[in-house]
Amino acid sequence: MTRKKPSQRDEIRARIRRAGLRSTVARVCVLEQLQAARSPLSHADLAAELSSEGFDKATIYRNLVELAEAGMVRRVELGDHVWRFELIREEDQDSGDHPHFVCVDCGQVSCLPGASINVDEQPGGQKSKIGDVTQVLLKGHCERCV
């Protein structure tokens, strides 16, 4: 007898349960959207995308917060006072933090997972006064707006 390969949805359900949460339809749908996204999505983006599935804005927001608290989703604020959410992929659990790029003209957000930012102290200088860097955000003009 051959075993059926688990579907993407089955894997998402299992991951939700491993995080100690109930695997609800809303949580699965939110994670599917975040998994397919190429950049962080706002609550409004997700609510608009999932409204056709019958989920209201409050349900989407509550699930985003619970998924973030469970360590499955990262919340980022990119300087425009809008929280965006992105999936923390299991393979990136330890090194999933990455810089983001925001176009100052059109507002497009891009993840820069391959980028490495190094903040070194100056040789012979005083100890860095920066402290603990929690997020790196690069701003500029995207290819479309140059």
Protein backbone atom coordinates (compact mmCIF):
# COMPACT_ATOMS: atom_id res chain seq x y z
CA MET A 1 0.00 0.00 0.00
CA THR A 2 1.41 3.40 -0.99
CA ARG A 3 1.16 6.28 1.44
CA LYS A 4 -0.54 9.42 0.23
CA LYS A 5 1.82 12.40 0.13
CA PRO A 6 0.62 15.10 2.55
CA SER A 7 -0.81 18.13 0.81
CA GLN A 8 0.32 21.66 1.49
CA ARG A 9 -2.87 22.23 3.47
CA ASP A 10 -2.21 19.10 5.57
CA GLU A 11 1.31 20.35 6.31
CA ILE A 12 -0.05 23.75 7.37
CA ARG A 13 -2.60 22.09 9.66
CA ALA A 14 0.12 19.97 11.26
CA ARG A 15 2.35 23.01 11.76
CA ILE A 16 -0.48 24.90 13.47
CA ARG A 17 -1.04 21.98 15.84
CA ARG A 18 2.69 21.72 16.59
CA ALA A 19 2.56 25.38 17.63
CA GLY A 20 -0.13 24.48 20.18
CA LEU A 21 -3.05 26.07 18.33
CA ARG A 22 -6.28 24.63 16.99
CA SER A 23 -6.17 24.14 13.25
CA THR A 24 -9.13 26.25 12.13
CA VAL A 25 -10.14 27.02 8.56
CA ALA A 26 -9.36 30.72 9.10
CA ARG A 27 -5.83 30.01 10.37
CA VAL A 28 -5.13 27.64 7.50
CA CYS A 29 -6.36 30.20 4.94
CA VAL A 30 -4.30 33.01 6.51
CA LEU A 31 -1.15 30.87 6.48
CA GLU A 32 -1.79 29.77 2.88
CA GLN A 33 -1.97 33.43 1.82
CA LEU A 34 1.20 34.31 3.72
CA GLN A 35 3.01 31.28 2.33
CA ALA A 36 2.17 32.33 -1.24
CA ALA A 37 3.11 35.98 -0.65
CA ARG A 38 6.45 37.32 -1.86
CA SER A 39 6.47 40.17 0.64
CA PRO A 40 4.80 41.02 3.95
CA LEU A 41 1.03 41.62 3.72
CA SER A 42 -1.05 44.07 5.71
CA HIS A 43 -4.16 43.08 7.59
CA ALA A 44 -6.17 44.99 4.95
CA ASP A 45 -4.49 43.01 2.14
CA LEU A 46 -5.33 39.71 3.80
CA ALA A 47 -8.87 40.75 4.72
CA ALA A 48 -9.58 41.78 1.13
CA GLU A 49 -8.13 38.54 -0.22
CA LEU A 50 -10.03 36.33 2.23
CA SER A 51 -13.38 38.15 2.27
CA SER A 52 -14.59 35.90 -0.56
CA GLU A 53 -14.00 32.94 1.80
CA GLY A 54 -16.48 34.48 4.26
CA PHE A 55 -14.00 35.76 6.87
CA ASP A 56 -14.50 39.19 8.39
CA LYS A 57 -11.71 41.62 9.25
CA ALA A 58 -11.87 40.90 12.98
CA THR A 59 -11.41 37.15 12.45
CA ILE A 60 -8.42 37.72 10.18
CA TYR A 61 -6.80 40.16 12.64
CA ARG A 62 -7.38 37.91 15.65
CA ASN A 63 -5.79 34.99 13.81
CA LEU A 64 -2.80 37.08 12.70
CA VAL A 65 -2.15 38.13 16.31
CA GLU A 66 -2.49 34.55 17.59
CA LEU A 67 -0.18 33.21 14.86
CA ALA A 68 2.38 35.92 15.68
CA GLU A 69 2.21 35.09 19.40
CA ALA A 70 2.74 31.40 18.54
CA GLY A 71 5.90 32.30 16.58
CA MET A 72 4.55 31.32 13.17
CA VAL A 73 4.15 34.84 11.78
CA ARG A 74 6.35 37.91 12.11
CA ARG A 75 4.85 41.38 12.49
CA VAL A 76 6.81 44.21 10.88
CA GLU A 77 6.19 47.94 10.72
CA LEU A 78 8.05 49.53 7.83
CA GLY A 79 7.85 53.19 8.72
CA ASP A 80 4.33 53.88 7.48
CA HIS A 81 2.43 52.94 10.66
CA VAL A 82 0.95 49.84 8.98
CA TRP A 83 1.61 46.44 10.50
CA ARG A 84 2.51 43.84 7.90
CA PHE A 85 2.71 40.13 8.49
CA GLU A 86 4.96 37.50 6.97
CA LEU A 87 5.26 33.78 7.45
CA ILE A 88 8.21 32.53 9.47
CA ARG A 89 9.17 29.50 7.46
CA GLU A 90 10.18 26.46 9.50
CA GLU A 91 13.50 26.18 7.68
CA ASP A 92 14.23 29.81 8.65
CA GLN A 93 13.27 29.57 12.33
CA ASP A 94 16.73 30.59 13.55
CA SER A 95 17.79 32.99 10.81
CA GLY A 96 14.52 34.27 9.41
CA ASP A 97 15.14 37.93 10.19
CA HIS A 98 15.94 39.77 7.01
CA PRO A 99 15.94 43.35 5.77
CA HIS A 100 13.09 44.83 3.77
CA PHE A 101 13.10 47.38 0.96
CA VAL A 102 10.31 49.96 0.61
CA CYS A 103 9.93 52.11 -2.49
CA VAL A 104 9.47 55.73 -1.42
CA ASP A 105 7.39 56.45 -4.55
CA CYS A 106 4.92 53.56 -4.95
CA GLY A 107 5.18 51.94 -1.50
CA GLN A 108 6.03 48.48 -2.84
CA VAL A 109 7.61 46.29 -0.16
CA SER A 110 10.21 43.64 -0.98
CA CYS A 111 11.89 41.08 1.24
CA LEU A 112 15.67 40.87 0.95
CA PRO A 113 16.34 37.42 2.44
CA GLY A 114 19.73 37.03 0.81
CA ALA A 115 20.99 40.41 1.98
CA SER A 116 23.35 40.68 4.89
CA ILE A 117 23.71 43.86 6.92
CA ASN A 118 26.67 44.12 9.27
CA VAL A 119 26.89 46.90 11.84
CA ASP A 120 30.46 46.89 13.17
CA GLU A 121 32.05 49.07 15.77
CA GLN A 122 34.75 51.37 14.46
CA PRO A 123 38.23 50.08 15.26
CA GLY A 124 39.64 51.92 18.25
CA GLY A 125 36.36 53.75 18.75
CA GLN A 126 33.90 53.65 21.56
CA LYS A 127 31.51 50.74 21.89
CA SER A 128 28.57 51.03 19.53
CA LYS A 129 25.74 53.14 20.88
CA ILE A 130 23.22 51.47 18.59
CA GLY A 131 22.27 48.71 21.01
CA ASP A 132 20.25 45.74 19.77
CA VAL A 133 19.21 46.07 16.11
CA THR A 134 15.81 44.39 15.71
CA GLN A 135 14.97 45.37 12.15
CA VAL A 136 16.71 46.74 9.07
CA LEU A 137 14.71 48.76 6.57
CA LEU A 138 16.10 50.10 3.31
CA LYS A 139 14.24 52.81 1.43
CA GLY A 140 14.75 53.96 -2.12
CA HIS A 141 13.26 53.77 -5.60
CA CYS A 142 12.19 50.42 -7.06
CA GLU A 143 12.96 49.43 -10.66
CA ARG A 144 9.52 50.63 -11.83
CA CYS A 145 9.89 54.07 -10.25
CA VAL A 146 13.51 54.87 -11.19
